[in-house]
C-alpha atoms as a PDB file:
ATOM      1  CA  UNK A   1      92.188 309.273 139.394  1.00  0.00           C
ATOM      2  CA  UNK A   2      90.182 312.159 139.561  1.00  0.00           C
ATOM      3  CA  UNK A   3      88.459 311.397 136.215  1.00  0.00           C
ATOM      4  CA  UNK A   4      87.626 307.896 137.417  1.00  0.00           C
ATOM      5  CA  UNK A   5      85.396 308.844 140.376  1.00  0.00           C
ATOM      6  CA  UNK A   6      83.922 311.603 138.055  1.00  0.00           C
ATOM      7  CA  UNK A   7      83.017 309.206 135.403  1.00  0.00           C
ATOM      8  CA  UNK A   8      81.730 306.600 138.361  1.00  0.00           C
ATOM      9  CA  UNK A   9      79.683 309.247 139.866  1.00  0.00           C
ATOM     10  CA  UNK A  10      77.930 310.359 136.528  1.00  0.00           C
ATOM     11  CA  UNK A  11      77.250 307.031 135.132  1.00  0.00           C
ATOM     12  CA  UNK A  12      76.843 305.509 138.740  1.00  0.00           C
ATOM     13  CA  UNK A  13      73.035 303.949 137.397  1.00  0.00           C
ATOM     14  CA  UNK A  14      75.138 302.257 134.682  1.00  0.00           C
ATOM     15  CA  UNK A  15      77.783 300.699 137.357  1.00  0.00           C
ATOM     16  CA  UNK A  16      76.061 297.507 138.460  1.00  0.00           C
ATOM     17  CA  UNK A  17      74.942 296.016 134.984  1.00  0.00           C
ATOM     18  CA  UNK A  18      78.820 297.070 133.747  1.00  0.00           C
ATOM     19  CA  UNK A  19      80.020 294.929 136.444  1.00  0.00           C
ATOM     20  CA  UNK A  20      77.428 292.060 136.143  1.00  0.00           C
ATOM     21  CA  UNK A  21      78.482 292.423 132.082  1.00  0.00           C
ATOM     22  CA  UNK A  22      82.214 291.910 132.999  1.00  0.00           C
ATOM     23  CA  UNK A  23      81.698 289.235 135.411  1.00  0.00           C
ATOM     24  CA  UNK A  24      79.958 287.231 132.555  1.00  0.00           C
ATOM     25  CA  UNK A  25      82.611 287.864 130.046  1.00  0.00           C
ATOM     26  CA  UNK A  26      84.871 286.483 132.598  1.00  0.00           C
ATOM     27  CA  UNK A  27      82.953 283.368 132.810  1.00  0.00           C
ATOM     28  CA  UNK A  28      82.431 282.980 128.876  1.00  0.00           C
ATOM     29  CA  UNK A  29      85.566 283.189 128.222  1.00  0.00           C
ATOM     30  CA  UNK A  30      87.075 279.533 127.381  1.00  0.00           C
ATOM     31  CA  UNK A  31      90.996 278.174 127.554  1.00  0.00           C
ATOM     32  CA  UNK A  32      91.349 279.032 124.039  1.00  0.00           C
ATOM     33  CA  UNK A  33      89.875 282.601 124.011  1.00  0.00           C
ATOM     34  CA  UNK A  34      86.868 282.222 122.445  1.00  0.00           C
ATOM     35  CA  UNK A  35      83.316 282.338 123.295  1.00  0.00           C
ATOM     36  CA  UNK A  36      80.622 280.210 122.104  1.00  0.00           C
ATOM     37  CA  UNK A  37      77.624 281.303 120.325  1.00  0.00           C
ATOM     38  CA  UNK A  38      75.250 280.667 122.792  1.00  0.00           C
ATOM     39  CA  UNK A  39      77.398 282.906 125.390  1.00  0.00           C
ATOM     40  CA  UNK A  40      78.077 285.584 122.479  1.00  0.00           C
ATOM     41  CA  UNK A  41      74.454 286.308 122.165  1.00  0.00           C
ATOM     42  CA  UNK A  42      73.790 286.776 126.016  1.00  0.00           C
ATOM     43  CA  UNK A  43      76.592 288.801 126.162  1.00  0.00           C
ATOM     44  CA  UNK A  44      75.649 291.090 123.198  1.00  0.00           C
ATOM     45  CA  UNK A  45      72.133 290.733 124.956  1.00  0.00           C
ATOM     46  CA  UNK A  46      73.999 292.408 128.727  1.00  0.00           C
ATOM     47  CA  UNK A  47      75.635 294.733 126.692  1.00  0.00           C
ATOM     48  CA  UNK A  48      72.925 296.289 124.757  1.00  0.00           C
ATOM     49  CA  UNK A  49      70.866 296.687 128.316  1.00  0.00           C
ATOM     50  CA  UNK A  50      74.036 298.460 129.450  1.00  0.00           C
ATOM     51  CA  UNK A  51      73.696 300.866 126.425  1.00  0.00           C
ATOM     52  CA  UNK A  52      70.281 301.895 127.335  1.00  0.00           C
ATOM     53  CA  UNK A  53      70.950 302.442 131.038  1.00  0.00           C
ATOM     54  CA  UNK A  54      73.573 304.664 129.753  1.00  0.00           C
ATOM     55  CA  UNK A  55      71.564 306.523 127.077  1.00  0.00           C
ATOM     56  CA  UNK A  56      68.210 307.066 129.425  1.00  0.00           C
ATOM     57  CA  UNK A  57      69.308 310.378 131.273  1.00  0.00           C
ATOM     58  CA  UNK A  58      70.525 311.515 127.488  1.00  0.00           C
ATOM     59  CA  UNK A  59      67.314 310.195 126.144  1.00  0.00           C
ATOM     60  CA  UNK A  60      65.215 311.728 129.273  1.00  0.00           C
ATOM     61  CA  UNK A  61      67.360 315.501 128.556  1.00  0.00           C
ATOM     62  CA  UNK A  62      67.135 315.154 125.087  1.00  0.00           C
ATOM     63  CA  UNK A  63      63.449 314.894 125.142  1.00  0.00           C
ATOM     64  CA  UNK A  64      63.175 317.769 128.216  1.00  0.00           C
ATOM     65  CA  UNK A  65      64.836 320.599 125.746  1.00  0.00           C
ATOM     66  CA  UNK A  66      62.346 319.892 122.262  1.00  0.00           C
ATOM     67  CA  UNK A  67      60.016 323.004 122.018  1.00  0.00           C
ATOM     68  CA  UNK A  68      56.569 321.925 120.800  1.00  0.00           C
ATOM     69  CA  UNK A  69      55.856 323.044 117.787  1.00  0.00           C
END
């Protein structure tokens, strides 16, 4: 439980995007378990948005650590 709280604090900026993605996944799944091509495309777009939010702090930290040549 403590790990979940730490992860939530670490990725607090990504939580709204992740929740939105999960809700969209639930709406997109058909009765037979498949996802339409249009919905799949929208889901992948939201997935990459989530990846961008997760990577943003890492990219900022890496750019600060680089020394000028």
